[in-house]
C-alpha atoms as a PDB file:
ATOM      1  CA  MET A   1     114.716  87.153  97.010  1.00  0.00           C
ATOM      2  CA  LYS A   2     113.518  90.036  94.885  1.00  0.00           C
ATOM      3  CA  ILE A   3     112.464  93.314  96.512  1.00  0.00           C
ATOM      4  CA  GLY A   4     110.124  94.074  93.629  1.00  0.00           C
ATOM      5  CA  GLY A   5     106.765  92.507  94.425  1.00  0.00           C
ATOM      6  CA  SER A   6     107.685  91.693  98.015  1.00  0.00           C
ATOM      7  CA  VAL A   7     105.617  92.608 101.077  1.00  0.00           C
ATOM      8  CA  ALA A   8     107.828  94.230 103.695  1.00  0.00           C
ATOM      9  CA  LEU A   9     107.438  95.385 107.280  1.00  0.00           C
ATOM     10  CA  VAL A  10     109.935  97.888 108.721  1.00  0.00           C
ATOM     11  CA  THR A  11     110.021  98.650 112.429  1.00  0.00           C
ATOM     12  CA  GLY A  12     110.934 102.142 113.564  1.00  0.00           C
ATOM     13  CA  ALA A  13     109.805 103.435 110.173  1.00  0.00           C
ATOM     14  CA  ASN A  14     108.814 106.891 111.358  1.00  0.00           C
ATOM     15  CA  ARG A  15     112.264 108.478 111.093  1.00  0.00           C
ATOM     16  CA  GLY A  16     115.954 108.082 110.341  1.00  0.00           C
ATOM     17  CA  LEU A  17     117.153 104.778 109.020  1.00  0.00           C
ATOM     18  CA  GLY A  18     113.712 103.157 109.269  1.00  0.00           C
ATOM     19  CA  ARG A  19     112.242 105.826 107.034  1.00  0.00           C
ATOM     20  CA  ALA A  20     115.111 105.341 104.575  1.00  0.00           C
ATOM     21  CA  TYR A  21     114.452 101.578 104.552  1.00  0.00           C
ATOM     22  CA  ALA A  22     110.750 102.128 103.833  1.00  0.00           C
ATOM     23  CA  ARG A  23     111.430 104.666 101.091  1.00  0.00           C
ATOM     24  CA  GLU A  24     113.990 102.399  99.426  1.00  0.00           C
ATOM     25  CA  LEU A  25     111.535  99.503  99.461  1.00  0.00           C
ATOM     26  CA  VAL A  26     108.895 101.650  97.793  1.00  0.00           C
ATOM     27  CA  SER A  27     111.355 102.875  95.180  1.00  0.00           C
ATOM     28  CA  ARG A  28     112.367  99.294  94.378  1.00  0.00           C
ATOM     29  CA  GLY A  29     108.806  98.259  93.670  1.00  0.00           C
ATOM     30  CA  ALA A  30     107.760  96.419  96.825  1.00  0.00           C
ATOM     31  CA  ALA A  31     104.091  95.498  96.477  1.00  0.00           C
ATOM     32  CA  LYS A  32     103.347  96.682 100.012  1.00  0.00           C
ATOM     33  CA  VAL A  33     105.392  98.318 102.742  1.00  0.00           C
ATOM     34  CA  TYR A  34     104.169  98.342 106.322  1.00  0.00           C
ATOM     35  CA  GLY A  35     105.786 101.104 108.355  1.00  0.00           C
ATOM     36  CA  ALA A  36     105.646 100.175 112.042  1.00  0.00           C
ATOM     37  CA  ALA A  37     106.093 102.689 114.827  1.00  0.00           C
ATOM     38  CA  ARG A  38     104.796 103.332 118.329  1.00  0.00           C
ATOM     39  CA  ASP A  39     103.089 106.403 116.875  1.00  0.00           C
ATOM     40  CA  PRO A  40     101.751 105.337 113.478  1.00  0.00           C
ATOM     41  CA  ALA A  41     100.656 108.910 112.737  1.00  0.00           C
ATOM     42  CA  ALA A  42     104.354 109.734 112.345  1.00  0.00           C
ATOM     43  CA  VAL A  43     104.637 107.358 109.367  1.00  0.00           C
ATOM     44  CA  THR A  44     103.673 109.657 106.521  1.00  0.00           C
ATOM     45  CA  ASP A  45     105.691 108.622 103.462  1.00  0.00           C
ATOM     46  CA  PRO A  46     103.768 107.844 100.266  1.00  0.00           C
ATOM     47  CA  GLY A  47     103.327 104.132  99.639  1.00  0.00           C
ATOM     48  CA  VAL A  48     103.938 103.175 103.296  1.00  0.00           C
ATOM     49  CA  THR A  49     101.081 101.719 105.353  1.00  0.00           C
ATOM     50  CA  PRO A  50     101.308 102.828 108.996  1.00  0.00           C
ATOM     51  CA  VAL A  51     101.117 100.138 111.705  1.00  0.00           C
ATOM     52  CA  ALA A  52     101.029 100.774 115.443  1.00  0.00           C
ATOM     53  CA  LEU A  53     103.739  98.672 117.099  1.00  0.00           C
ATOM     54  CA  ASP A  54     105.892  98.722 120.212  1.00  0.00           C
ATOM     55  CA  ILE A  55     108.280  95.790 119.801  1.00  0.00           C
ATOM     56  CA  THR A  56     108.676  95.504 123.576  1.00  0.00           C
ATOM     57  CA  ASP A  57     104.996  94.519 123.836  1.00  0.00           C
ATOM     58  CA  PRO A  58     104.834  90.784 122.948  1.00  0.00           C
ATOM     59  CA  GLU A  59     101.035  90.771 122.772  1.00  0.00           C
ATOM     60  CA  ARG A  60     101.039  93.589 120.218  1.00  0.00           C
ATOM     61  CA  VAL A  61     103.856  91.924 118.272  1.00  0.00           C
ATOM     62  CA  GLY A  62     101.662  88.822 117.937  1.00  0.00           C
ATOM     63  CA  GLN A  63      98.695  90.903 116.815  1.00  0.00           C
ATOM     64  CA  VAL A  64     100.756  92.613 114.117  1.00  0.00           C
ATOM     65  CA  ALA A  65     102.062  89.269 112.868  1.00  0.00           C
ATOM     66  CA  GLN A  66      98.449  88.142 112.429  1.00  0.00           C
ATOM     67  CA  GLN A  67      97.425  91.478 110.892  1.00  0.00           C
ATOM     68  CA  CYS A  68     100.339  91.500 108.435  1.00  0.00           C
ATOM     69  CA  ALA A  69     100.218  87.859 107.457  1.00  0.00           C
ATOM     70  CA  ASP A  70     101.321  88.596 103.885  1.00  0.00           C
ATOM     71  CA  VAL A  71     104.841  89.775 104.884  1.00  0.00           C
ATOM     72  CA  THR A  72     107.764  88.221 103.003  1.00  0.00           C
ATOM     73  CA  LEU A  73     110.490  90.603 104.220  1.00  0.00           C
ATOM     74  CA  LEU A  74     110.906  91.684 107.850  1.00  0.00           C
ATOM     75  CA  VAL A  75     113.261  94.565 108.638  1.00  0.00           C
ATOM     76  CA  ASN A  76     114.000  94.738 112.368  1.00  0.00           C
ATOM     77  CA  ASN A  77     115.239  98.309 112.588  1.00  0.00           C
ATOM     78  CA  ALA A  78     113.665  99.659 115.794  1.00  0.00           C
ATOM     79  CA  GLY A  79     116.155 100.213 118.576  1.00  0.00           C
ATOM     80  CA  VAL A  80     117.242 102.486 121.411  1.00  0.00           C
ATOM     81  CA  MET A  81     120.588 103.819 122.592  1.00  0.00           C
ATOM     82  CA  LYS A  82     120.953 105.506 126.002  1.00  0.00           C
ATOM     83  CA  ALA A  83     124.734 106.180 126.023  1.00  0.00           C
ATOM     84  CA  SER A  84     125.112 104.446 129.368  1.00  0.00           C
ATOM     85  CA  THR A  85     128.210 102.986 131.030  1.00  0.00           C
ATOM     86  CA  PHE A  86     128.270  99.720 132.917  1.00  0.00           C
ATOM     87  CA  ILE A  87     129.719 100.898 136.234  1.00  0.00           C
ATOM     88  CA  ASP A  88     128.982 104.608 136.593  1.00  0.00           C
ATOM     89  CA  ALA A  89     125.376 104.572 135.377  1.00  0.00           C
ATOM     90  CA  PRO A  90     123.073 105.607 138.271  1.00  0.00           C
ATOM     91  CA  ASN A  91     121.007 102.410 137.877  1.00  0.00           C
ATOM     92  CA  LEU A  92     120.231  99.592 135.447  1.00  0.00           C
ATOM     93  CA  ASP A  93     117.306 101.348 133.758  1.00  0.00           C
ATOM     94  CA  ALA A  94     119.179 102.188 130.542  1.00  0.00           C
ATOM     95  CA  ALA A  95     120.695  98.714 130.264  1.00  0.00           C
ATOM     96  CA  ARG A  96     117.314  97.058 130.814  1.00  0.00           C
ATOM     97  CA  LEU A  97     115.592  99.269 128.227  1.00  0.00           C
ATOM     98  CA  GLU A  98     118.276  98.645 125.620  1.00  0.00           C
ATOM     99  CA  MET A  99     118.210  94.901 126.178  1.00  0.00           C
ATOM    100  CA  GLU A 100     114.415  94.827 126.235  1.00  0.00           C
ATOM    101  CA  THR A 101     114.241  96.697 122.931  1.00  0.00           C
ATOM    102  CA  ASN A 102     117.311  95.749 120.970  1.00  0.00           C
ATOM    103  CA  TYR A 103     117.468  92.083 121.985  1.00  0.00           C
ATOM    104  CA  PHE A 104     114.153  90.871 123.364  1.00  0.00           C
ATOM    105  CA  GLY A 105     112.108  93.064 121.007  1.00  0.00           C
ATOM    106  CA  THR A 106     114.007  91.787 117.994  1.00  0.00           C
ATOM    107  CA  LEU A 107     113.671  88.224 119.271  1.00  0.00           C
ATOM    108  CA  SER A 108     109.904  88.663 119.662  1.00  0.00           C
ATOM    109  CA  MET A 109     109.627  89.924 116.098  1.00  0.00           C
ATOM    110  CA  CYS A 110     111.665  87.009 114.713  1.00  0.00           C
ATOM    111  CA  ARG A 111     109.611  84.473 116.613  1.00  0.00           C
ATOM    112  CA  ALA A 112     106.275  86.004 115.616  1.00  0.00           C
ATOM    113  CA  PHE A 113     107.101  86.386 111.932  1.00  0.00           C
ATOM    114  CA  ALA A 114     109.062  83.179 111.323  1.00  0.00           C
ATOM    115  CA  PRO A 115     105.861  81.167 110.632  1.00  0.00           C
ATOM    116  CA  VAL A 116     104.492  84.023 108.527  1.00  0.00           C
ATOM    117  CA  LEU A 117     107.602  83.963 106.345  1.00  0.00           C
ATOM    118  CA  ALA A 118     107.481  80.166 106.141  1.00  0.00           C
ATOM    119  CA  ALA A 119     103.876  80.262 104.954  1.00  0.00           C
ATOM    120  CA  ASN A 120     104.834  82.808 102.295  1.00  0.00           C
ATOM    121  CA  GLY A 121     107.749  80.870 100.834  1.00  0.00           C
ATOM    122  CA  GLY A 122     110.645  81.693 103.173  1.00  0.00           C
ATOM    123  CA  GLY A 123     111.432  85.344 102.527  1.00  0.00           C
ATOM    124  CA  ALA A 124     114.000  87.224 104.550  1.00  0.00           C
ATOM    125  CA  ILE A 125     114.721  88.882 107.888  1.00  0.00           C
ATOM    126  CA  VAL A 126     117.040  91.884 108.179  1.00  0.00           C
ATOM    127  CA  ASN A 127     118.357  92.661 111.649  1.00  0.00           C
ATOM    128  CA  MET A 128     119.867  96.116 112.110  1.00  0.00           C
ATOM    129  CA  LEU A 129     122.823  95.632 114.437  1.00  0.00           C
ATOM    130  CA  SER A 130     125.834  97.884 114.973  1.00  0.00           C
ATOM    131  CA  ILE A 131     129.593  98.105 114.862  1.00  0.00           C
ATOM    132  CA  THR A 132     129.300  97.851 118.667  1.00  0.00           C
ATOM    133  CA  SER A 133     128.094  94.273 118.190  1.00  0.00           C
ATOM    134  CA  PHE A 134     131.826  93.516 117.815  1.00  0.00           C
ATOM    135  CA  TYR A 135     133.355  95.378 120.767  1.00  0.00           C
ATOM    136  CA  THR A 136     132.560  97.317 123.923  1.00  0.00           C
ATOM    137  CA  ASN A 137     132.933 101.081 124.245  1.00  0.00           C
ATOM    138  CA  PRO A 138     132.359 102.516 127.745  1.00  0.00           C
ATOM    139  CA  PHE A 139     130.542 105.525 126.315  1.00  0.00           C
ATOM    140  CA  ASN A 140     127.660 103.299 125.152  1.00  0.00           C
ATOM    141  CA  ALA A 141     128.535 100.092 126.945  1.00  0.00           C
ATOM    142  CA  SER A 142     125.112  98.660 127.665  1.00  0.00           C
ATOM    143  CA  TYR A 143     123.962  99.474 124.119  1.00  0.00           C
ATOM    144  CA  GLY A 144     126.884  97.447 122.781  1.00  0.00           C
ATOM    145  CA  ALA A 145     125.949  94.551 125.046  1.00  0.00           C
ATOM    146  CA  SER A 146     122.416  94.557 123.672  1.00  0.00           C
ATOM    147  CA  LYS A 147     123.667  94.640 120.090  1.00  0.00           C
ATOM    148  CA  ALA A 148     126.161  91.843 120.764  1.00  0.00           C
ATOM    149  CA  ALA A 149     123.222  89.802 122.054  1.00  0.00           C
ATOM    150  CA  ALA A 150     121.242  90.692 118.940  1.00  0.00           C
ATOM    151  CA  TRP A 151     124.175  89.604 116.755  1.00  0.00           C
ATOM    152  CA  SER A 152     124.180  86.214 118.472  1.00  0.00           C
ATOM    153  CA  LEU A 153     120.401  86.063 118.028  1.00  0.00           C
ATOM    154  CA  THR A 154     120.792  86.820 114.317  1.00  0.00           C
ATOM    155  CA  ASN A 155     123.361  84.075 113.758  1.00  0.00           C
ATOM    156  CA  GLY A 156     121.289  81.550 115.674  1.00  0.00           C
ATOM    157  CA  THR A 157     118.064  82.508 113.925  1.00  0.00           C
ATOM    158  CA  ARG A 158     119.770  82.047 110.567  1.00  0.00           C
ATOM    159  CA  ILE A 159     120.599  78.452 111.476  1.00  0.00           C
ATOM    160  CA  GLU A 160     117.128  77.708 112.869  1.00  0.00           C
ATOM    161  CA  LEU A 161     115.273  79.105 109.861  1.00  0.00           C
ATOM    162  CA  HIS A 162     117.495  77.762 107.105  1.00  0.00           C
ATOM    163  CA  HIS A 163     115.237  74.734 106.621  1.00  0.00           C
ATOM    164  CA  GLN A 164     112.296  76.945 105.691  1.00  0.00           C
ATOM    165  CA  GLY A 165     114.284  78.973 103.171  1.00  0.00           C
ATOM    166  CA  THR A 166     114.435  82.201 105.187  1.00  0.00           C
ATOM    167  CA  LEU A 167     117.450  84.424 104.550  1.00  0.00           C
ATOM    168  CA  VAL A 168     118.658  86.191 107.731  1.00  0.00           C
ATOM    169  CA  VAL A 169     120.849  89.239 107.153  1.00  0.00           C
ATOM    170  CA  ALA A 170     123.014  90.934 109.822  1.00  0.00           C
ATOM    171  CA  VAL A 171     123.689  94.636 109.235  1.00  0.00           C
ATOM    172  CA  HIS A 172     126.581  96.370 110.990  1.00  0.00           C
ATOM    173  CA  ALA A 173     127.406 100.059 110.705  1.00  0.00           C
ATOM    174  CA  GLY A 174     129.219 102.762 112.618  1.00  0.00           C
ATOM    175  CA  PHE A 175     127.807 106.267 112.809  1.00  0.00           C
ATOM    176  CA  ILE A 176     124.778 106.758 110.577  1.00  0.00           C
ATOM    177  CA  ASP A 177     123.586 110.305 109.918  1.00  0.00           C
ATOM    178  CA  THR A 178     120.414 110.080 111.999  1.00  0.00           C
ATOM    179  CA  ASP A 179     119.155 111.509 115.286  1.00  0.00           C
ATOM    180  CA  MET A 180     120.795 108.677 117.240  1.00  0.00           C
ATOM    181  CA  ALA A 181     124.243 109.837 116.124  1.00  0.00           C
ATOM    182  CA  ALA A 182     123.459 113.570 116.156  1.00  0.00           C
ATOM    183  CA  LEU A 183     126.126 114.323 118.787  1.00  0.00           C
ATOM    184  CA  ALA A 184     128.806 112.150 117.191  1.00  0.00           C
ATOM    185  CA  THR A 185     131.652 114.007 115.498  1.00  0.00           C
ATOM    186  CA  GLY A 186     133.192 111.190 113.445  1.00  0.00           C
ATOM    187  CA  PRO A 187     132.488 110.293 109.820  1.00  0.00           C
ATOM    188  CA  LYS A 188     128.901 109.277 109.160  1.00  0.00           C
ATOM    189  CA  ILE A 189     127.289 107.203 106.451  1.00  0.00           C
ATOM    190  CA  SER A 190     123.917 108.239 105.061  1.00  0.00           C
ATOM    191  CA  PRO A 191     120.859 106.160 105.920  1.00  0.00           C
ATOM    192  CA  GLU A 192     120.073 105.970 102.221  1.00  0.00           C
ATOM    193  CA  SER A 193     123.434 104.283 101.566  1.00  0.00           C
ATOM    194  CA  VAL A 194     122.783 101.724 104.292  1.00  0.00           C
ATOM    195  CA  ALA A 195     119.331 100.940 102.911  1.00  0.00           C
ATOM    196  CA  GLN A 196     120.690 100.508  99.384  1.00  0.00           C
ATOM    197  CA  GLN A 197     123.460  98.167 100.543  1.00  0.00           C
ATOM    198  CA  VAL A 198     121.076  96.120 102.650  1.00  0.00           C
ATOM    199  CA  PHE A 199     118.526  95.485  99.908  1.00  0.00           C
ATOM    200  CA  ASP A 200     121.284  94.771  97.405  1.00  0.00           C
ATOM    201  CA  ALA A 201     122.460  92.098  99.874  1.00  0.00           C
ATOM    202  CA  VAL A 202     118.949  90.684 100.276  1.00  0.00           C
ATOM    203  CA  GLU A 203     118.573  90.339  96.518  1.00  0.00           C
ATOM    204  CA  ALA A 204     122.006  88.731  96.259  1.00  0.00           C
ATOM    205  CA  GLY A 205     121.317  86.286  99.093  1.00  0.00           C
ATOM    206  CA  GLU A 206     124.146  87.634 101.268  1.00  0.00           C
ATOM    207  CA  ILE A 207     124.022  87.109 105.027  1.00  0.00           C
ATOM    208  CA  GLU A 208     126.021  90.106 106.243  1.00  0.00           C
ATOM    209  CA  VAL A 209     126.371  93.795 105.422  1.00  0.00           C
ATOM    210  CA  LEU A 210     129.348  95.763 106.724  1.00  0.00           C
ATOM    211  CA  ALA A 211     128.079  99.138 105.672  1.00  0.00           C
ATOM    212  CA  ASP A 212     131.105 101.365 106.184  1.00  0.00           C
ATOM    213  CA  GLU A 213     134.885 101.316 106.306  1.00  0.00           C
ATOM    214  CA  ARG A 214     135.019 101.324 110.111  1.00  0.00           C
ATOM    215  CA  SER A 215     132.758  98.271 110.405  1.00  0.00           C
ATOM    216  CA  ARG A 216     134.825  96.395 107.845  1.00  0.00           C
ATOM    217  CA  PHE A 217     138.048  97.248 109.727  1.00  0.00           C
ATOM    218  CA  VAL A 218     136.685  96.199 113.104  1.00  0.00           C
ATOM    219  CA  LYS A 219     135.241  92.906 111.836  1.00  0.00           C
ATOM    220  CA  ALA A 220     138.566  92.086 110.185  1.00  0.00           C
ATOM    221  CA  SER A 221     140.422  92.935 113.410  1.00  0.00           C
ATOM    222  CA  LEU A 222     138.460  90.756 115.834  1.00  0.00           C
ATOM    223  CA  SER A 223     141.189  88.113 116.076  1.00  0.00           C
ATOM    224  CA  ARG A 224     143.516  90.884 117.302  1.00  0.00           C
ATOM    225  CA  ASP A 225     140.954  92.981 119.156  1.00  0.00           C
ATOM    226  CA  HIS A 226     143.059  93.515 122.300  1.00  0.00           C
ATOM    227  CA  GLU A 227     145.872  94.786 120.105  1.00  0.00           C
ATOM    228  CA  LEU A 228     144.026  96.810 117.437  1.00  0.00           C
ATOM    229  CA  ILE A 229     140.619  97.775 118.839  1.00  0.00           C
ATOM    230  CA  TYR A 230     140.737  98.216 122.588  1.00  0.00           C
ATOM    231  CA  PRO A 231     143.994 100.169 123.212  1.00  0.00           C
ATOM    232  CA  PRO A 232     142.786 103.422 121.530  1.00  0.00           C
ATOM    233  CA  ILE A 233     139.417 103.091 123.281  1.00  0.00           C
ATOM    234  CA  GLN A 234     141.204 102.660 126.625  1.00  0.00           C
ATOM    235  CA  GLU A 235     143.393 105.695 125.948  1.00  0.00           C
ATOM    236  CA  PHE A 236     140.399 107.856 125.032  1.00  0.00           C
ATOM    237  CA  TRP A 237     138.411 106.675 128.055  1.00  0.00           C
ATOM    238  CA  ASP A 238     141.272 107.310 130.473  1.00  0.00           C
ATOM    239  CA  ALA A 239     141.691 110.818 129.087  1.00  0.00           C
ATOM    240  CA  ALA A 240     137.977 111.483 129.497  1.00  0.00           C
ATOM    241  CA  VAL A 241     137.992 110.240 133.095  1.00  0.00           C
ATOM    242  CA  GLN A 242     141.031 112.323 133.942  1.00  0.00           C
ATOM    243  CA  GLY A 243     139.488 115.371 132.321  1.00  0.00           C
ATOM    244  CA  ALA A 244     136.319 114.974 134.369  1.00  0.00           C
ATOM    245  CA  SER A 245     138.163 114.606 137.672  1.00  0.00           C
END
């Protein structure tokens, strides 16, 4: 599909990658860009129409789908990362929040907007996933679990919506230079670069974006994950545990 003339809705559009998505859509000539956020007053970019939305509230998700019934491109960007382990976390609060937002929230949005997209000719859904969709890192273990679930959701949704002509795009990236990765010390990709790659993929009809070198390496290594991916993570984790003891 073409971005020019499309009607897009971006969740989490008030900052970081969501803001970059909204700005890129405007710059590419989208006819209308809805910028959804829990605090719509924080969506201030020119050409972006603020919409109040908490994707963990199914009732509000349904209301927004009715309100924004002209949408042809849905960008599921909103997410949360609590940097929580599986075993040593004090409780399940972080894991529940991440799953409720990153998986169930994204699922609610896909379900609510699938008929909207069908009525408008098919359109496209972009789901912002993560490199941690592919493997588990103890430093953000429950976040990775939620993104792995969202990856499965994305692949299944693509199959279910193929008959109505809806393109479903999975986006994987490592560290992006946003607030979520502010404490990370590794190489970071700019949110603008991610947005450009994603909308290039939408226009080309591609189903997956591996936005940086690390994501491409990890995806290519999945058949040998216990040889290439997990040993250095295990070594780093053991060193961190020993250093804390």
